[in-house]
N, C-alpha and C. Protein backbone atom coordinates (compact mmCIF):
# COMPACT_ATOMS: atom_id res chain seq x y z
N MET A 1 17.56 -5.96 1.60
CA MET A 1 16.77 -6.99 0.52
C MET A 1 16.75 -6.44 -0.55
N SER A 2 16.40 -6.99 -1.84
CA SER A 2 16.65 -6.97 -3.07
C SER A 2 15.22 -6.42 -3.88
N TYR A 3 14.11 -7.26 -2.90
CA TYR A 3 12.90 -7.29 -3.78
C TYR A 3 12.18 -5.73 -3.47
N LYS A 4 11.53 -5.49 -4.25
CA LYS A 4 10.67 -4.26 -4.36
C LYS A 4 9.80 -4.18 -4.82
N ASN A 5 8.47 -3.67 -3.98
CA ASN A 5 7.50 -3.67 -4.71
C ASN A 5 6.88 -2.06 -5.16
N GLU A 6 6.26 -2.18 -6.57
CA GLU A 6 6.23 -0.80 -7.32
C GLU A 6 4.98 -0.13 -6.44
N ALA A 7 3.95 -0.86 -6.05
CA ALA A 7 2.63 -0.06 -5.96
C ALA A 7 3.17 0.57 -4.35
N TYR A 8 3.66 -0.17 -3.03
CA TYR A 8 4.32 0.02 -2.21
C TYR A 8 5.16 1.56 -2.10
N GLU A 9 6.62 1.19 -2.69
CA GLU A 9 6.88 2.12 -3.33
C GLU A 9 6.46 3.65 -3.63
N LYS A 10 5.79 3.90 -4.62
CA LYS A 10 4.77 4.85 -5.31
C LYS A 10 4.14 5.27 -3.96
N ALA A 11 3.29 4.09 -3.05
CA ALA A 11 2.35 4.54 -2.18
C ALA A 11 3.45 5.27 -0.85
N THR A 12 4.23 5.02 -0.65
CA THR A 12 5.21 5.57 0.15
C THR A 12 5.97 6.89 -0.10
N ASN A 13 6.02 7.01 -1.65
CA ASN A 13 6.61 8.08 -1.94
C ASN A 13 5.30 9.24 -1.87
N GLU A 14 4.01 8.77 -2.21
CA GLU A 14 2.89 9.34 -2.04
C GLU A 14 2.79 10.60 -0.46
N GLY A 15 3.22 9.53 0.37
CA GLY A 15 3.03 9.85 1.62
C GLY A 15 1.80 8.79 2.63
N LEU A 16 1.25 7.93 1.78
CA LEU A 16 0.09 7.29 2.08
C LEU A 16 0.13 6.50 3.45
N PHE A 17 1.59 6.33 3.80
CA PHE A 17 2.22 5.75 5.22
C PHE A 17 2.47 6.78 6.08
N ILE A 18 2.36 7.65 6.10
CA ILE A 18 2.62 8.91 7.02
C ILE A 18 1.58 9.20 7.89
N THR A 19 1.52 8.70 9.32
CA THR A 19 0.64 8.56 10.11
C THR A 19 0.31 9.75 10.67
N GLU A 20 1.01 10.77 11.12
CA GLU A 20 0.60 12.11 11.86
C GLU A 20 -0.15 12.82 11.47
N GLY A 21 -1.32 13.07 12.59
CA GLY A 21 -2.24 13.78 12.32
C GLY A 21 -3.51 12.89 12.04
N LEU A 22 -3.37 11.86 11.87
CA LEU A 22 -4.55 11.14 11.39
C LEU A 22 -5.20 10.26 12.63
N PRO A 23 -6.44 10.23 12.41
CA PRO A 23 -7.22 9.49 13.81
C PRO A 23 -6.76 8.15 14.26
N PRO A 24 -6.63 8.20 15.75
CA PRO A 24 -5.82 6.91 16.43
C PRO A 24 -6.38 5.79 15.49
N PHE A 25 -7.54 5.55 15.43
CA PHE A 25 -7.85 4.06 14.54
C PHE A 25 -7.31 3.94 13.50
N MET A 26 -7.34 5.08 12.65
CA MET A 26 -6.52 4.58 11.14
C MET A 26 -5.38 4.62 11.27
N ARG A 27 -4.59 5.52 12.43
CA ARG A 27 -3.09 5.67 12.09
C ARG A 27 -2.81 3.87 12.72
N VAL A 28 -3.56 3.45 13.42
CA VAL A 28 -3.04 1.95 13.94
C VAL A 28 -3.17 1.40 12.98
N GLU A 29 -4.37 1.23 11.99
CA GLU A 29 -4.98 0.06 11.48
C GLU A 29 -3.58 0.49 10.19
N ILE A 30 -3.43 1.87 9.65
CA ILE A 30 -2.27 1.85 8.55
C ILE A 30 -1.14 1.57 8.78
N GLU A 31 -0.63 1.36 10.43
CA GLU A 31 0.46 1.08 11.14
C GLU A 31 0.73 -0.65 10.52
N ARG A 32 -0.56 -1.19 11.06
CA ARG A 32 -0.68 -2.47 11.22
C ARG A 32 -0.34 -3.04 9.26
N TYR A 33 -0.90 -2.41 8.64
CA TYR A 33 -0.94 -2.75 7.11
C TYR A 33 0.70 -2.57 6.75
N GLU A 34 1.36 -1.53 7.28
CA GLU A 34 2.61 -1.35 7.08
C GLU A 34 3.37 -2.30 7.20
N THR A 35 3.48 -2.60 8.57
CA THR A 35 4.37 -4.15 9.23
C THR A 35 3.70 -5.15 8.34
N ALA A 36 2.75 -5.46 7.94
CA ALA A 36 2.24 -6.61 7.46
C ALA A 36 2.85 -6.39 5.82
N ILE A 37 3.05 -5.52 5.02
CA ILE A 37 3.63 -5.32 4.13
C ILE A 37 5.18 -5.48 4.31
N VAL A 38 5.90 -5.08 4.84
CA VAL A 38 6.95 -5.42 5.11
C VAL A 38 7.78 -6.57 5.90
N ASN A 39 6.87 -7.21 6.18
CA ASN A 39 6.83 -9.20 6.18
C ASN A 39 6.73 -9.59 5.26
N LEU A 40 6.00 -9.12 4.27
CA LEU A 40 5.87 -9.69 2.75
C LEU A 40 6.45 -9.48 2.14
N THR A 41 7.55 -8.30 2.18
CA THR A 41 8.28 -7.96 1.47
C THR A 41 9.58 -9.08 1.88
N ARG A 42 9.89 -9.01 2.98
CA ARG A 42 10.95 -10.22 3.57
C ARG A 42 10.58 -11.44 2.51
N VAL A 43 9.00 -12.04 2.71
CA VAL A 43 8.94 -13.29 2.21
C VAL A 43 9.02 -12.99 0.42
N ALA A 44 8.76 -12.06 0.00
CA ALA A 44 9.22 -12.03 -1.69
C ALA A 44 10.70 -12.32 -1.50
N ASP A 45 10.95 -11.77 -1.08
CA ASP A 45 12.74 -11.61 -1.07
C ASP A 45 13.08 -12.88 -1.33
N ALA A 46 12.86 -13.66 0.06
CA ALA A 46 13.40 -14.83 0.39
C ALA A 46 12.84 -15.83 -1.06
N MET A 47 11.79 -15.52 -1.35
CA MET A 47 11.39 -16.54 -2.70
C MET A 47 12.03 -16.44 -3.79
N GLN A 48 12.76 -15.47 -3.90
CA GLN A 48 13.64 -15.10 -4.96
C GLN A 48 14.80 -16.23 -5.11
N PHE A 49 15.17 -16.64 -3.96
CA PHE A 49 16.19 -17.43 -4.23
C PHE A 49 16.16 -18.66 -5.06
N PRO A 50 17.26 -18.68 -6.09
CA PRO A 50 17.16 -19.37 -7.21
C PRO A 50 17.52 -20.94 -7.13
N PHE A 51 17.54 -21.40 -5.90
CA PHE A 51 18.24 -22.62 -5.60
C PHE A 51 17.03 -23.53 -4.86
N PHE A 52 15.51 -23.48 -4.92
CA PHE A 52 14.81 -24.23 -4.35
C PHE A 52 14.36 -24.94 -4.88
N THR A 53 14.35 -26.50 -4.42
CA THR A 53 14.10 -27.81 -5.06
C THR A 53 12.75 -27.91 -5.76
N ASP A 54 11.87 -26.77 -5.60
CA ASP A 54 10.37 -26.66 -5.94
C ASP A 54 10.48 -25.46 -6.44
N ASN A 55 10.87 -24.67 -7.63
CA ASN A 55 11.00 -23.85 -8.03
C ASN A 55 9.25 -22.73 -8.54
N LYS A 56 8.90 -23.78 -8.87
CA LYS A 56 7.35 -23.76 -8.59
C LYS A 56 6.31 -23.25 -7.54
N PHE A 57 6.94 -24.10 -7.21
CA PHE A 57 6.06 -23.46 -5.45
C PHE A 57 6.77 -22.43 -4.95
N ALA A 58 7.86 -21.85 -5.13
CA ALA A 58 8.60 -20.48 -4.70
C ALA A 58 8.02 -19.23 -5.93
N ALA A 59 7.54 -19.83 -6.85
CA ALA A 59 7.17 -18.73 -7.56
C ALA A 59 5.70 -18.49 -7.12
N VAL A 60 4.94 -19.36 -6.77
CA VAL A 60 3.83 -19.22 -6.87
C VAL A 60 3.47 -18.51 -5.35
N GLU A 61 4.44 -18.80 -4.51
CA GLU A 61 4.06 -18.03 -2.81
C GLU A 61 4.85 -16.51 -3.02
N ARG A 62 5.94 -16.36 -3.84
CA ARG A 62 6.08 -14.87 -4.42
C ARG A 62 5.31 -13.97 -4.49
N ALA A 63 4.76 -14.85 -5.77
CA ALA A 63 3.43 -14.03 -6.27
C ALA A 63 2.27 -13.92 -5.15
N PHE A 64 1.97 -14.71 -4.28
CA PHE A 64 1.02 -14.29 -3.56
C PHE A 64 1.33 -13.72 -2.28
N ALA A 65 2.67 -13.38 -2.18
CA ALA A 65 3.18 -11.91 -1.15
C ALA A 65 3.03 -10.85 -2.12
N GLU A 66 3.08 -10.91 -3.24
CA GLU A 66 3.14 -9.36 -4.16
C GLU A 66 1.83 -9.27 -4.28
N GLU A 67 1.07 -9.97 -4.52
CA GLU A 67 -0.74 -9.89 -4.32
C GLU A 67 -0.81 -9.27 -3.41
N ALA A 68 -0.61 -10.01 -1.91
CA ALA A 68 -1.00 -9.52 -0.55
C ALA A 68 -0.20 -8.02 -0.54
N ILE A 69 0.35 -7.68 -0.93
CA ILE A 69 1.19 -6.23 -0.42
C ILE A 69 0.32 -5.46 -1.65
N ASN A 70 -0.04 -5.59 -2.75
CA ASN A 70 -0.68 -4.77 -3.86
C ASN A 70 -2.02 -4.27 -2.86
N ASP A 71 -2.49 -5.78 -2.57
CA ASP A 71 -4.15 -5.09 -2.03
C ASP A 71 -4.37 -4.43 -0.66
N MET A 72 -3.00 -4.75 -0.10
CA MET A 72 -2.56 -4.08 1.23
C MET A 72 -2.57 -2.33 0.84
N VAL A 73 -1.98 -2.10 -0.14
CA VAL A 73 -1.48 -0.84 -0.48
C VAL A 73 -2.88 -0.39 -0.96
N CYS A 74 -3.76 -0.45 -1.54
CA CYS A 74 -5.02 -0.75 -2.03
C CYS A 74 -6.08 0.09 -0.65
N ALA A 75 -6.03 -0.73 -0.07
CA ALA A 75 -6.56 -0.86 1.36
C ALA A 75 -6.00 0.50 2.13
N VAL A 76 -5.05 0.91 2.11
CA VAL A 76 -4.42 2.09 2.73
C VAL A 76 -5.11 3.07 1.96
N ARG A 77 -4.92 3.35 0.48
CA ARG A 77 -5.35 4.55 -0.15
C ARG A 77 -6.95 4.40 -0.25
N GLU A 78 -7.45 3.42 0.14
CA GLU A 78 -8.99 3.53 0.53
C GLU A 78 -9.44 4.48 1.98
N LEU A 79 -8.33 3.80 2.78
CA LEU A 79 -8.88 4.50 4.07
C LEU A 79 -8.70 5.89 3.55
N HIS A 80 -7.63 6.57 2.84
CA HIS A 80 -7.03 7.91 2.74
C HIS A 80 -8.71 8.42 2.24
N GLU A 81 -8.96 7.78 0.89
CA GLU A 81 -9.99 8.40 0.39
C GLU A 81 -11.16 8.36 0.98
N LYS A 82 -11.74 7.50 1.42
CA LYS A 82 -12.75 7.70 2.73
C LYS A 82 -12.69 8.74 3.23
N ARG A 83 -11.42 8.96 3.90
CA ARG A 83 -11.68 10.08 5.19
C ARG A 83 -11.76 11.12 4.40
N GLY A 84 -11.03 11.38 3.04
CA GLY A 84 -11.35 12.97 2.12
C GLY A 84 -12.62 12.91 2.02
N ILE A 85 -13.37 12.10 1.87
CA ILE A 85 -14.90 12.15 1.44
C ILE A 85 -15.62 12.50 2.95
N ASP A 86 -15.01 11.76 3.70
CA ASP A 86 -16.25 12.02 4.99
C ASP A 86 -15.65 13.57 5.52
N ALA A 87 -14.58 13.60 5.03
CA ALA A 87 -13.90 15.45 5.45
C ALA A 87 -14.39 16.47 4.72
N GLY A 88 -15.20 16.11 3.53
CA GLY A 88 -15.27 16.94 2.47
C GLY A 88 -14.16 17.27 1.82
N LEU A 89 -13.06 16.26 1.52
CA LEU A 89 -11.97 16.83 1.09
C LEU A 89 -11.87 16.53 -0.41
N VAL A 90 -13.12 15.97 -1.40
CA VAL A 90 -13.15 15.79 -2.62
C VAL A 90 -13.40 16.63 -3.44
N ALA A 91 -12.74 16.55 -4.60
CA ALA A 91 -12.68 17.65 -5.55
C ALA A 91 -13.92 17.68 -5.78
N GLN A 92 -14.34 19.13 -6.11
CA GLN A 92 -15.92 19.28 -6.80
C GLN A 92 -16.08 19.88 -8.53
N THR A 93 -14.74 20.49 -8.31
CA THR A 93 -14.44 21.55 -9.91
C THR A 93 -13.15 21.04 -10.25
N ARG A 94 -12.78 21.34 -11.56
CA ARG A 94 -11.60 21.41 -12.08
C ARG A 94 -10.64 22.38 -11.07
N HIS A 95 -10.67 23.41 -10.55
CA HIS A 95 -9.88 24.16 -9.48
C HIS A 95 -9.58 23.34 -8.57
N ASP A 96 -10.68 22.62 -7.81
CA ASP A 96 -10.39 21.79 -6.83
C ASP A 96 -8.92 20.44 -7.25
N VAL A 97 -9.24 20.25 -8.15
CA VAL A 97 -8.57 19.18 -8.57
C VAL A 97 -7.01 19.59 -8.83
N MET A 98 -6.63 21.17 -9.79
CA MET A 98 -5.51 21.89 -9.67
C MET A 98 -4.79 22.07 -8.16
N ARG A 99 -5.57 22.17 -7.37
CA ARG A 99 -5.59 22.33 -5.66
C ARG A 99 -4.85 21.07 -5.51
N GLY A 100 -5.44 20.17 -5.69
CA GLY A 100 -4.68 18.91 -5.85
C GLY A 100 -5.75 18.02 -4.82
N LEU A 101 -6.95 18.07 -4.66
CA LEU A 101 -7.60 17.80 -3.83
C LEU A 101 -7.64 15.93 -5.40
N GLU A 102 -8.25 14.84 -4.87
CA GLU A 102 -8.59 13.51 -5.72
C GLU A 102 -10.00 13.88 -6.10
N VAL A 103 -10.21 13.51 -7.24
CA VAL A 103 -11.79 13.34 -7.87
C VAL A 103 -12.17 11.64 -7.53
N VAL A 104 -13.27 11.56 -6.82
CA VAL A 104 -13.57 10.77 -6.23
C VAL A 104 -14.90 10.08 -7.03
N GLY A 105 -15.09 8.95 -7.83
CA GLY A 105 -15.97 8.72 -8.74
C GLY A 105 -16.71 7.39 -8.56
């Protein structure tokens, strides 16, 4: 596949799709999102074919796949943020931020 989604790559590099140690339902949800993202990546890749009869339609479908991937990455990020808030892992001070905790506003 030659198509790459920046939001998914960034999230993967940040470890947002690593499910070890997560509660079972959260783990399954993230795995389902990732399965959908991989399939949408295939759609976006296929829609890059330059010789469709209707290139405008292909571009719309590719944009739809890209938007859906970005939305799912945001959903996974929000799951992690909510888990951090629920567990009290939210930065309260500047020193917390320096230790790597995220500020939730």
